[in-house]
All heavy atoms as atom14 arrays in JSON, in Angstrom:
{
  "sequence": "VFFDASVIWGLVGPRRIFGSLGEYPSLNWFFLGGILGPFLVWFFHK",
  "atom14_mask": [
    [1, 1, 1, 1, 1, 1, 1, 0, 0, 0, 0, 0, 0, 0],
    [1, 1, 1, 1, 1, 1, 1, 1, 1, 1, 1, 0, 0, 0],
    [1, 1, 1, 1, 1, 1, 1, 1, 1, 1, 1, 0, 0, 0],
    [1, 1, 1, 1, 1, 1, 1, 1, 0, 0, 0, 0, 0, 0],
    [1, 1, 1, 1, 1, 0, 0, 0, 0, 0, 0, 0, 0, 0],
    [1, 1, 1, 1, 1, 1, 0, 0, 0, 0, 0, 0, 0, 0],
    [1, 1, 1, 1, 1, 1, 1, 0, 0, 0, 0, 0, 0, 0],
    [1, 1, 1, 1, 1, 1, 1, 1, 0, 0, 0, 0, 0, 0],
    [1, 1, 1, 1, 1, 1, 1, 1, 1, 1, 1, 1, 1, 1],
    [1, 1, 1, 1, 0, 0, 0, 0, 0, 0, 0, 0, 0, 0],
    [1, 1, 1, 1, 1, 1, 1, 1, 0, 0, 0, 0, 0, 0],
    [1, 1, 1, 1, 1, 1, 1, 0, 0, 0, 0, 0, 0, 0],
    [1, 1, 1, 1, 0, 0, 0, 0, 0, 0, 0, 0, 0, 0],
    [1, 1, 1, 1, 1, 1, 1, 0, 0, 0, 0, 0, 0, 0],
    [1, 1, 1, 1, 1, 1, 1, 1, 1, 1, 1, 0, 0, 0],
    [1, 1, 1, 1, 1, 1, 1, 1, 1, 1, 1, 0, 0, 0],
    [1, 1, 1, 1, 1, 1, 1, 1, 0, 0, 0, 0, 0, 0],
    [1, 1, 1, 1, 1, 1, 1, 1, 1, 1, 1, 0, 0, 0],
    [1, 1, 1, 1, 0, 0, 0, 0, 0, 0, 0, 0, 0, 0],
    [1, 1, 1, 1, 1, 1, 0, 0, 0, 0, 0, 0, 0, 0],
    [1, 1, 1, 1, 1, 1, 1, 1, 0, 0, 0, 0, 0, 0],
    [1, 1, 1, 1, 0, 0, 0, 0, 0, 0, 0, 0, 0, 0],
    [1, 1, 1, 1, 1, 1, 1, 1, 1, 0, 0, 0, 0, 0],
    [1, 1, 1, 1, 1, 1, 1, 1, 1, 1, 1, 1, 0, 0],
    [1, 1, 1, 1, 1, 1, 1, 0, 0, 0, 0, 0, 0, 0],
    [1, 1, 1, 1, 1, 1, 0, 0, 0, 0, 0, 0, 0, 0],
    [1, 1, 1, 1, 1, 1, 1, 1, 0, 0, 0, 0, 0, 0],
    [1, 1, 1, 1, 1, 1, 1, 1, 0, 0, 0, 0, 0, 0],
    [1, 1, 1, 1, 1, 1, 1, 1, 1, 1, 1, 1, 1, 1],
    [1, 1, 1, 1, 1, 1, 1, 1, 1, 1, 1, 0, 0, 0],
    [1, 1, 1, 1, 1, 1, 1, 1, 1, 1, 1, 0, 0, 0],
    [1, 1, 1, 1, 1, 1, 1, 1, 0, 0, 0, 0, 0, 0],
    [1, 1, 1, 1, 0, 0, 0, 0, 0, 0, 0, 0, 0, 0],
    [1, 1, 1, 1, 0, 0, 0, 0, 0, 0, 0, 0, 0, 0],
    [1, 1, 1, 1, 1, 1, 1, 1, 0, 0, 0, 0, 0, 0],
    [1, 1, 1, 1, 1, 1, 1, 1, 0, 0, 0, 0, 0, 0],
    [1, 1, 1, 1, 0, 0, 0, 0, 0, 0, 0, 0, 0, 0],
    [1, 1, 1, 1, 1, 1, 1, 0, 0, 0, 0, 0, 0, 0],
    [1, 1, 1, 1, 1, 1, 1, 1, 1, 1, 1, 0, 0, 0],
    [1, 1, 1, 1, 1, 1, 1, 1, 0, 0, 0, 0, 0, 0],
    [1, 1, 1, 1, 1, 1, 1, 0, 0, 0, 0, 0, 0, 0],
    [1, 1, 1, 1, 1, 1, 1, 1, 1, 1, 1, 1, 1, 1],
    [1, 1, 1, 1, 1, 1, 1, 1, 1, 1, 1, 0, 0, 0],
    [1, 1, 1, 1, 1, 1, 1, 1, 1, 1, 1, 0, 0, 0],
    [1, 1, 1, 1, 1, 1, 1, 1, 1, 1, 0, 0, 0, 0],
    [1, 1, 1, 1, 1, 1, 1, 1, 1, 0, 0, 0, 0, 0]
  ],
  "atom14_positions": [
    [[-3.94, 6.86, 6.72], [-4.73, 6.3, 7.82], [-6.01, 5.8, 7.35], [-6.51, 4.79, 7.78], [-4.91, 7.42, 8.92], [-5.75, 6.9, 10.02], [-3.49, 7.85, 9.46], [0.0, 0.0, 0.0], [0.0, 0.0, 0.0], [0.0, 0.0, 0.0], [0.0, 0.0, 0.0], [0.0, 0.0, 0.0], [0.0, 0.0, 0.0], [0.0, 0.0, 0.0]],
    [[-6.67, 6.56, 6.37], [-7.9, 6.1, 5.84], [-7.73, 4.74, 5.12], [-8.57, 3.81, 5.21], [-8.4, 7.13, 4.83], [-9.84, 6.99, 4.41], [-10.84, 7.48, 5.23], [-10.18, 6.42, 3.18], [-12.18, 7.36, 4.85], [-11.5, 6.33, 2.88], [-12.5, 6.79, 3.62], [0.0, 0.0, 0.0], [0.0, 0.0, 0.0], [0.0, 0.0, 0.0]],
    [[-6.65, 4.52, 4.38], [-6.35, 3.31, 3.72], [-6.22, 2.2, 4.74], [-6.73, 1.07, 4.61], [-5.07, 3.39, 2.85], [-4.46, 2.11, 2.42], [-5.12, 1.36, 1.46], [-3.33, 1.64, 2.97], [-4.59, 0.16, 1.02], [-2.75, 0.43, 2.57], [-3.44, -0.28, 1.56], [0.0, 0.0, 0.0], [0.0, 0.0, 0.0], [0.0, 0.0, 0.0]],
    [[-5.39, 2.46, 5.76], [-5.19, 1.41, 6.86], [-6.57, 1.02, 7.44], [-6.83, -0.13, 7.78], [-4.27, 1.93, 7.95], [-2.86, 2.07, 7.47], [-2.53, 1.44, 6.46], [-2.12, 2.82, 8.08], [0.0, 0.0, 0.0], [0.0, 0.0, 0.0], [0.0, 0.0, 0.0], [0.0, 0.0, 0.0], [0.0, 0.0, 0.0], [0.0, 0.0, 0.0]],
    [[-7.48, 2.04, 7.69], [-8.82, 1.72, 8.2], [-9.53, 0.84, 7.26], [-10.29, -0.03, 7.68], [-9.5, 3.02, 8.51], [0.0, 0.0, 0.0], [0.0, 0.0, 0.0], [0.0, 0.0, 0.0], [0.0, 0.0, 0.0], [0.0, 0.0, 0.0], [0.0, 0.0, 0.0], [0.0, 0.0, 0.0], [0.0, 0.0, 0.0], [0.0, 0.0, 0.0]],
    [[-9.41, 1.1, 5.98], [-10.16, 0.25, 5.04], [-9.67, -1.14, 5.0], [-10.49, -2.13, 4.79], [-9.99, 0.84, 3.54], [-8.65, 0.62, 3.0], [0.0, 0.0, 0.0], [0.0, 0.0, 0.0], [0.0, 0.0, 0.0], [0.0, 0.0, 0.0], [0.0, 0.0, 0.0], [0.0, 0.0, 0.0], [0.0, 0.0, 0.0], [0.0, 0.0, 0.0]],
    [[-8.39, -1.39, 5.28], [-7.87, -2.72, 5.43], [-8.32, -3.4, 6.73], [-8.77, -4.51, 6.7], [-6.33, -2.66, 5.34], [-5.72, -4.05, 5.63], [-5.82, -2.2, 4.0], [0.0, 0.0, 0.0], [0.0, 0.0, 0.0], [0.0, 0.0, 0.0], [0.0, 0.0, 0.0], [0.0, 0.0, 0.0], [0.0, 0.0, 0.0], [0.0, 0.0, 0.0]],
    [[-8.21, -2.6, 7.85], [-8.62, -3.15, 9.11], [-10.05, -3.49, 9.21], [-10.45, -4.59, 9.61], [-8.18, -2.11, 10.21], [-6.68, -1.97, 10.27], [-8.76, -2.56, 11.6], [-6.21, -0.81, 11.18], [0.0, 0.0, 0.0], [0.0, 0.0, 0.0], [0.0, 0.0, 0.0], [0.0, 0.0, 0.0], [0.0, 0.0, 0.0], [0.0, 0.0, 0.0]],
    [[-10.92, -2.53, 8.87], [-12.36, -2.73, 9.05], [-13.05, -3.4, 7.88], [-14.04, -4.06, 8.03], [-13.03, -1.36, 9.34], [-12.47, -0.69, 10.5], [-11.62, 0.35, 10.55], [-12.77, -1.01, 11.87], [-11.31, 0.7, 11.79], [-11.98, -0.15, 12.67], [-13.47, -1.93, 12.55], [-11.97, -0.1, 14.06], [-13.55, -2.0, 13.93], [-12.78, -1.08, 14.64]],
    [[-12.47, -3.11, 6.63], [-13.26, -3.65, 5.47], [-12.62, -4.84, 4.8], [-13.27, -5.9, 4.73], [0.0, 0.0, 0.0], [0.0, 0.0, 0.0], [0.0, 0.0, 0.0], [0.0, 0.0, 0.0], [0.0, 0.0, 0.0], [0.0, 0.0, 0.0], [0.0, 0.0, 0.0], [0.0, 0.0, 0.0], [0.0, 0.0, 0.0], [0.0, 0.0, 0.0]],
    [[-11.34, -4.81, 4.44], [-10.69, -5.92, 3.74], [-10.53, -7.15, 4.71], [-10.97, -8.17, 4.36], [-9.34, -5.5, 3.23], [-8.59, -6.51, 2.34], [-9.38, -6.88, 1.15], [-7.25, -6.02, 2.01], [0.0, 0.0, 0.0], [0.0, 0.0, 0.0], [0.0, 0.0, 0.0], [0.0, 0.0, 0.0], [0.0, 0.0, 0.0], [0.0, 0.0, 0.0]],
    [[-9.89, -6.92, 5.8], [-9.68, -8.0, 6.76], [-10.94, -8.19, 7.66], [-11.35, -9.3, 7.89], [-8.43, -7.7, 7.64], [-8.21, -8.84, 8.67], [-7.21, -7.64, 6.74], [0.0, 0.0, 0.0], [0.0, 0.0, 0.0], [0.0, 0.0, 0.0], [0.0, 0.0, 0.0], [0.0, 0.0, 0.0], [0.0, 0.0, 0.0], [0.0, 0.0, 0.0]],
    [[-11.42, -7.13, 8.17], [-12.63, -7.23, 9.04], [-12.3, -7.2, 10.48], [-11.27, -7.75, 10.92], [0.0, 0.0, 0.0], [0.0, 0.0, 0.0], [0.0, 0.0, 0.0], [0.0, 0.0, 0.0], [0.0, 0.0, 0.0], [0.0, 0.0, 0.0], [0.0, 0.0, 0.0], [0.0, 0.0, 0.0], [0.0, 0.0, 0.0], [0.0, 0.0, 0.0]],
    [[-13.2, -6.58, 11.3], [-12.9, -6.54, 12.75], [-12.84, -7.86, 13.43], [-12.19, -7.95, 14.5], [-14.09, -5.65, 13.26], [-15.16, -5.74, 12.2], [-14.44, -5.93, 10.92], [0.0, 0.0, 0.0], [0.0, 0.0, 0.0], [0.0, 0.0, 0.0], [0.0, 0.0, 0.0], [0.0, 0.0, 0.0], [0.0, 0.0, 0.0], [0.0, 0.0, 0.0]],
    [[-13.55, -8.9, 12.91], [-13.46, -10.21, 13.59], [-12.04, -10.74, 13.57], [-11.65, -11.4, 14.57], [-14.39, -11.18, 12.83], [-15.81, -11.07, 13.21], [-16.62, -12.32, 12.8], [-18.02, -12.17, 13.11], [-18.94, -11.95, 12.19], [-18.6, -11.78, 10.91], [-20.23, -11.85, 12.53], [0.0, 0.0, 0.0], [0.0, 0.0, 0.0], [0.0, 0.0, 0.0]],
    [[-11.31, -10.5, 12.54], [-9.91, -11.03, 12.45], [-8.85, -10.14, 13.06], [-7.73, -10.46, 13.18], [-9.49, -11.21, 10.92], [-10.36, -12.23, 10.23], [-9.85, -12.46, 8.85], [-10.6, -13.51, 8.14], [-11.64, -13.32, 7.36], [-12.18, -12.12, 7.24], [-12.27, -14.36, 6.84], [0.0, 0.0, 0.0], [0.0, 0.0, 0.0], [0.0, 0.0, 0.0]],
    [[-9.29, -9.02, 13.62], [-8.35, -8.11, 14.32], [-8.8, -7.76, 15.72], [-8.04, -7.98, 16.64], [-8.26, -6.75, 13.46], [-7.62, -7.05, 12.15], [-7.38, -5.69, 14.28], [-7.39, -5.85, 11.26], [0.0, 0.0, 0.0], [0.0, 0.0, 0.0], [0.0, 0.0, 0.0], [0.0, 0.0, 0.0], [0.0, 0.0, 0.0], [0.0, 0.0, 0.0]],
    [[-10.08, -7.46, 15.9], [-10.56, -7.09, 17.23], [-11.44, -8.25, 17.85], [-11.94, -8.09, 18.94], [-11.36, -5.77, 17.25], [-10.56, -4.63, 16.77], [-10.69, -4.06, 15.46], [-9.59, -4.04, 17.58], [-9.97, -2.99, 15.05], [-8.84, -2.98, 17.19], [-9.01, -2.46, 15.89], [0.0, 0.0, 0.0], [0.0, 0.0, 0.0], [0.0, 0.0, 0.0]],
    [[-11.6, -9.31, 17.06], [-12.35, -10.43, 17.54], [-11.49, -11.55, 18.0], [-10.23, -11.41, 18.23], [0.0, 0.0, 0.0], [0.0, 0.0, 0.0], [0.0, 0.0, 0.0], [0.0, 0.0, 0.0], [0.0, 0.0, 0.0], [0.0, 0.0, 0.0], [0.0, 0.0, 0.0], [0.0, 0.0, 0.0], [0.0, 0.0, 0.0], [0.0, 0.0, 0.0]],
    [[-12.08, -12.69, 18.2], [-11.32, -13.84, 18.71], [-10.24, -14.3, 17.81], [-9.27, -15.03, 18.24], [-12.28, -15.02, 19.02], [-12.96, -15.41, 17.86], [0.0, 0.0, 0.0], [0.0, 0.0, 0.0], [0.0, 0.0, 0.0], [0.0, 0.0, 0.0], [0.0, 0.0, 0.0], [0.0, 0.0, 0.0], [0.0, 0.0, 0.0], [0.0, 0.0, 0.0]],
    [[-10.34, -14.06, 16.5], [-9.3, -14.46, 15.53], [-8.14, -13.47, 15.48], [-7.19, -13.73, 14.76], [-9.92, -14.57, 14.13], [-11.09, -15.67, 14.05], [-11.66, -15.64, 12.64], [-10.58, -17.04, 14.36], [0.0, 0.0, 0.0], [0.0, 0.0, 0.0], [0.0, 0.0, 0.0], [0.0, 0.0, 0.0], [0.0, 0.0, 0.0], [0.0, 0.0, 0.0]],
    [[-8.21, -12.32, 16.14], [-7.25, -11.27, 16.0], [-6.35, -11.19, 17.19], [-6.41, -11.93, 18.21], [0.0, 0.0, 0.0], [0.0, 0.0, 0.0], [0.0, 0.0, 0.0], [0.0, 0.0, 0.0], [0.0, 0.0, 0.0], [0.0, 0.0, 0.0], [0.0, 0.0, 0.0], [0.0, 0.0, 0.0], [0.0, 0.0, 0.0], [0.0, 0.0, 0.0]],
    [[-5.53, -10.15, 17.16], [-4.53, -9.88, 18.28], [-5.05, -8.91, 19.27], [-4.4, -8.69, 20.33], [-3.24, -9.41, 17.63], [-2.51, -10.36, 16.72], [-1.96, -11.54, 17.55], [-1.36, -11.37, 18.6], [-2.1, -12.66, 16.99], [0.0, 0.0, 0.0], [0.0, 0.0, 0.0], [0.0, 0.0, 0.0], [0.0, 0.0, 0.0], [0.0, 0.0, 0.0]],
    [[-6.2, -8.24, 19.0], [-6.54, -7.08, 19.8], [-7.99, -7.17, 20.41], [-8.63, -6.13, 20.5], [-6.36, -5.76, 19.04], [-5.03, -5.72, 18.39], [-4.84, -5.97, 17.06], [-3.88, -5.33, 19.16], [-3.56, -5.92, 16.49], [-2.65, -5.27, 18.61], [-2.51, -5.57, 17.18], [-1.29, -5.51, 16.66], [0.0, 0.0, 0.0], [0.0, 0.0, 0.0]],
    [[-8.49, -8.29, 20.76], [-9.89, -8.31, 21.31], [-9.98, -7.64, 22.62], [-11.05, -7.1, 22.97], [-10.09, -9.87, 21.48], [-8.77, -10.46, 21.59], [-7.9, -9.66, 20.7], [0.0, 0.0, 0.0], [0.0, 0.0, 0.0], [0.0, 0.0, 0.0], [0.0, 0.0, 0.0], [0.0, 0.0, 0.0], [0.0, 0.0, 0.0], [0.0, 0.0, 0.0]],
    [[-8.88, -7.46, 23.34], [-8.91, -6.76, 24.61], [-9.28, -5.27, 24.52], [-9.77, -4.64, 25.46], [-7.6, -6.93, 25.38], [-6.49, -6.4, 24.6], [0.0, 0.0, 0.0], [0.0, 0.0, 0.0], [0.0, 0.0, 0.0], [0.0, 0.0, 0.0], [0.0, 0.0, 0.0], [0.0, 0.0, 0.0], [0.0, 0.0, 0.0], [0.0, 0.0, 0.0]],
    [[-9.08, -4.7, 23.34], [-9.36, -3.28, 23.1], [-10.88, -3.05, 23.21], [-11.3, -1.91, 23.44], [-8.87, -2.82, 21.77], [-7.35, -2.74, 21.58], [-6.95, -2.29, 20.18], [-6.74, -1.76, 22.66], [0.0, 0.0, 0.0], [0.0, 0.0, 0.0], [0.0, 0.0, 0.0], [0.0, 0.0, 0.0], [0.0, 0.0, 0.0], [0.0, 0.0, 0.0]],
    [[-11.69, -4.07, 23.06], [-13.14, -3.85, 23.16], [-13.54, -3.47, 24.6], [-14.63, -2.88, 24.8], [-13.85, -5.12, 22.75], [-13.76, -5.4, 21.25], [-14.23, -4.61, 20.43], [-13.15, -6.47, 20.86], [0.0, 0.0, 0.0], [0.0, 0.0, 0.0], [0.0, 0.0, 0.0], [0.0, 0.0, 0.0], [0.0, 0.0, 0.0], [0.0, 0.0, 0.0]],
    [[-12.7, -3.74, 25.57], [-13.01, -3.31, 26.95], [-12.97, -1.76, 27.04], [-13.55, -1.26, 28.04], [-11.98, -3.98, 27.96], [-12.21, -5.43, 28.09], [-11.49, -6.47, 27.51], [-13.22, -6.1, 28.82], [-11.96, -7.68, 27.94], [-13.08, -7.49, 28.67], [-14.33, -5.63, 29.6], [-13.9, -8.41, 29.38], [-15.15, -6.54, 30.21], [-14.94, -7.88, 30.12]],
    [[-12.32, -1.14, 26.11], [-12.26, 0.36, 26.19], [-13.74, 0.86, 26.07], [-14.01, 2.0, 26.56], [-11.43, 0.92, 25.06], [-9.97, 0.93, 25.39], [-9.19, -0.2, 25.37], [-9.31, 2.08, 25.78], [-7.87, -0.22, 25.71], [-7.97, 2.13, 26.09], [-7.21, 0.99, 26.0], [0.0, 0.0, 0.0], [0.0, 0.0, 0.0], [0.0, 0.0, 0.0]],
    [[-14.55, 0.21, 25.3], [-16.0, 0.67, 25.2], [-16.6, 0.63, 26.63], [-17.23, 1.65, 27.04], [-16.75, -0.33, 24.35], [-16.64, -0.07, 22.88], [-16.04, -1.01, 22.12], [-17.07, 1.05, 22.32], [-15.91, -0.85, 20.68], [-16.97, 1.3, 20.96], [-16.39, 0.28, 20.13], [0.0, 0.0, 0.0], [0.0, 0.0, 0.0], [0.0, 0.0, 0.0]],
    [[-16.39, -0.43, 27.42], [-16.95, -0.5, 28.81], [-16.31, 0.61, 29.62], [-17.0, 1.25, 30.4], [-16.68, -1.88, 29.32], [-17.2, -2.09, 30.76], [-18.79, -1.9, 30.76], [-16.89, -3.5, 31.26], [0.0, 0.0, 0.0], [0.0, 0.0, 0.0], [0.0, 0.0, 0.0], [0.0, 0.0, 0.0], [0.0, 0.0, 0.0], [0.0, 0.0, 0.0]],
    [[-14.99, 0.78, 29.55], [-14.32, 1.79, 30.33], [-14.84, 3.18, 30.04], [-14.97, 4.01, 30.94], [0.0, 0.0, 0.0], [0.0, 0.0, 0.0], [0.0, 0.0, 0.0], [0.0, 0.0, 0.0], [0.0, 0.0, 0.0], [0.0, 0.0, 0.0], [0.0, 0.0, 0.0], [0.0, 0.0, 0.0], [0.0, 0.0, 0.0], [0.0, 0.0, 0.0]],
    [[-15.04, 3.45, 28.75], [-15.6, 4.74, 28.37], [-16.99, 4.93, 28.89], [-17.33, 6.06, 29.29], [0.0, 0.0, 0.0], [0.0, 0.0, 0.0], [0.0, 0.0, 0.0], [0.0, 0.0, 0.0], [0.0, 0.0, 0.0], [0.0, 0.0, 0.0], [0.0, 0.0, 0.0], [0.0, 0.0, 0.0], [0.0, 0.0, 0.0], [0.0, 0.0, 0.0]],
    [[-17.8, 3.94, 28.98], [-19.19, 4.1, 29.48], [-19.16, 4.28, 31.01], [-19.87, 5.18, 31.51], [-20.02, 2.84, 29.16], [-20.28, 2.72, 27.65], [-21.31, 2.79, 29.92], [-20.9, 1.41, 27.2], [0.0, 0.0, 0.0], [0.0, 0.0, 0.0], [0.0, 0.0, 0.0], [0.0, 0.0, 0.0], [0.0, 0.0, 0.0], [0.0, 0.0, 0.0]],
    [[-18.27, 3.6, 31.67], [-18.27, 3.71, 33.13], [-17.49, 4.88, 33.69], [-17.76, 5.39, 34.79], [-17.65, 2.41, 33.77], [-18.46, 1.1, 33.45], [-17.74, -0.14, 34.09], [-19.88, 1.2, 33.93], [0.0, 0.0, 0.0], [0.0, 0.0, 0.0], [0.0, 0.0, 0.0], [0.0, 0.0, 0.0], [0.0, 0.0, 0.0], [0.0, 0.0, 0.0]],
    [[-16.47, 5.35, 32.98], [-15.66, 6.47, 33.42], [-16.4, 7.7, 33.87], [-16.17, 8.17, 34.99], [0.0, 0.0, 0.0], [0.0, 0.0, 0.0], [0.0, 0.0, 0.0], [0.0, 0.0, 0.0], [0.0, 0.0, 0.0], [0.0, 0.0, 0.0], [0.0, 0.0, 0.0], [0.0, 0.0, 0.0], [0.0, 0.0, 0.0], [0.0, 0.0, 0.0]],
    [[-17.32, 8.25, 33.11], [-18.09, 9.38, 33.58], [-18.92, 9.15, 34.84], [-19.16, 10.05, 35.52], [-18.91, 9.74, 32.33], [-18.19, 9.15, 31.15], [-17.53, 7.87, 31.72], [0.0, 0.0, 0.0], [0.0, 0.0, 0.0], [0.0, 0.0, 0.0], [0.0, 0.0, 0.0], [0.0, 0.0, 0.0], [0.0, 0.0, 0.0], [0.0, 0.0, 0.0]],
    [[-19.35, 7.89, 35.02], [-20.12, 7.58, 36.26], [-19.23, 7.85, 37.48], [-19.67, 8.33, 38.49], [-20.54, 6.1, 36.24], [-21.82, 5.94, 35.44], [-21.78, 5.35, 34.19], [-23.07, 6.21, 35.97], [-22.91, 5.16, 33.44], [-24.18, 6.0, 35.26], [-24.17, 5.47, 33.99], [0.0, 0.0, 0.0], [0.0, 0.0, 0.0], [0.0, 0.0, 0.0]],
    [[-17.93, 7.48, 37.33], [-16.93, 7.67, 38.42], [-16.8, 9.15, 38.7], [-16.8, 9.57, 39.95], [-15.59, 7.03, 38.06], [-14.56, 6.95, 39.15], [-15.08, 6.08, 40.26], [-13.25, 6.44, 38.63], [0.0, 0.0, 0.0], [0.0, 0.0, 0.0], [0.0, 0.0, 0.0], [0.0, 0.0, 0.0], [0.0, 0.0, 0.0], [0.0, 0.0, 0.0]],
    [[-16.63, 9.98, 37.7], [-16.53, 11.45, 37.84], [-17.78, 12.01, 38.45], [-17.75, 12.78, 39.4], [-16.25, 12.05, 36.54], [-16.13, 13.63, 36.69], [-14.92, 11.59, 35.93], [0.0, 0.0, 0.0], [0.0, 0.0, 0.0], [0.0, 0.0, 0.0], [0.0, 0.0, 0.0], [0.0, 0.0, 0.0], [0.0, 0.0, 0.0], [0.0, 0.0, 0.0]],
    [[-18.95, 11.57, 37.99], [-20.22, 12.0, 38.47], [-20.44, 11.61, 39.94], [-20.92, 12.42, 40.78], [-21.35, 11.42, 37.6], [-22.73, 11.85, 38.03], [-23.34, 12.99, 37.71], [-23.64, 11.05, 38.79], [-24.64, 13.03, 38.2], [-24.83, 11.88, 38.84], [-23.66, 9.82, 39.34], [-25.94, 11.37, 39.51], [-24.7, 9.38, 40.09], [-25.86, 10.19, 40.16]],
    [[-19.97, 10.41, 40.27], [-20.1, 9.93, 41.67], [-19.28, 10.86, 42.64], [-19.74, 11.22, 43.7], [-19.63, 8.48, 41.74], [-19.54, 7.98, 43.18], [-20.65, 7.64, 43.86], [-18.29, 7.84, 43.83], [-20.57, 7.15, 45.19], [-18.15, 7.33, 45.11], [-19.35, 7.0, 45.83], [0.0, 0.0, 0.0], [0.0, 0.0, 0.0], [0.0, 0.0, 0.0]],
    [[-18.01, 11.16, 42.28], [-17.14, 12.01, 43.08], [-17.78, 13.42, 43.14], [-17.64, 14.12, 44.18], [-15.75, 11.98, 42.6], [-14.96, 10.75, 42.97], [-14.61, 9.81, 42.12], [-14.61, 10.65, 44.35], [-13.89, 8.73, 42.53], [-13.87, 9.52, 44.76], [-13.54, 8.53, 43.83], [0.0, 0.0, 0.0], [0.0, 0.0, 0.0], [0.0, 0.0, 0.0]],
    [[-18.38, 13.84, 42.05], [-18.99, 15.22, 42.08], [-20.15, 15.21, 43.01], [-20.31, 16.28, 43.82], [-19.5, 15.51, 40.66], [-20.41, 16.75, 40.63], [-19.98, 17.94, 41.08], [-21.57, 16.93, 40.04], [-20.93, 18.81, 40.87], [-21.94, 18.21, 40.28], [0.0, 0.0, 0.0], [0.0, 0.0, 0.0], [0.0, 0.0, 0.0], [0.0, 0.0, 0.0]],
    [[-20.99, 14.2, 43.15], [-22.04, 14.14, 44.13], [-21.51, 13.94, 45.51], [-22.12, 14.45, 46.5], [-23.01, 13.0, 43.75], [-23.75, 13.2, 42.4], [-24.62, 14.49, 42.45], [-25.33, 14.63, 41.14], [-26.17, 15.9, 41.17], [0.0, 0.0, 0.0], [0.0, 0.0, 0.0], [0.0, 0.0, 0.0], [0.0, 0.0, 0.0], [0.0, 0.0, 0.0]]
  ]
}
């Protein structure tokens, strides 16, 4: 797994995988989902 990470992030680079040149740019939306998710839980708690 560490080797695959070196290929993904280092050798090829995130632009060619998670950027516009790659197949997985949509995964960057997980960052936004992770940020907003706890707000939803907090809102229901209040």
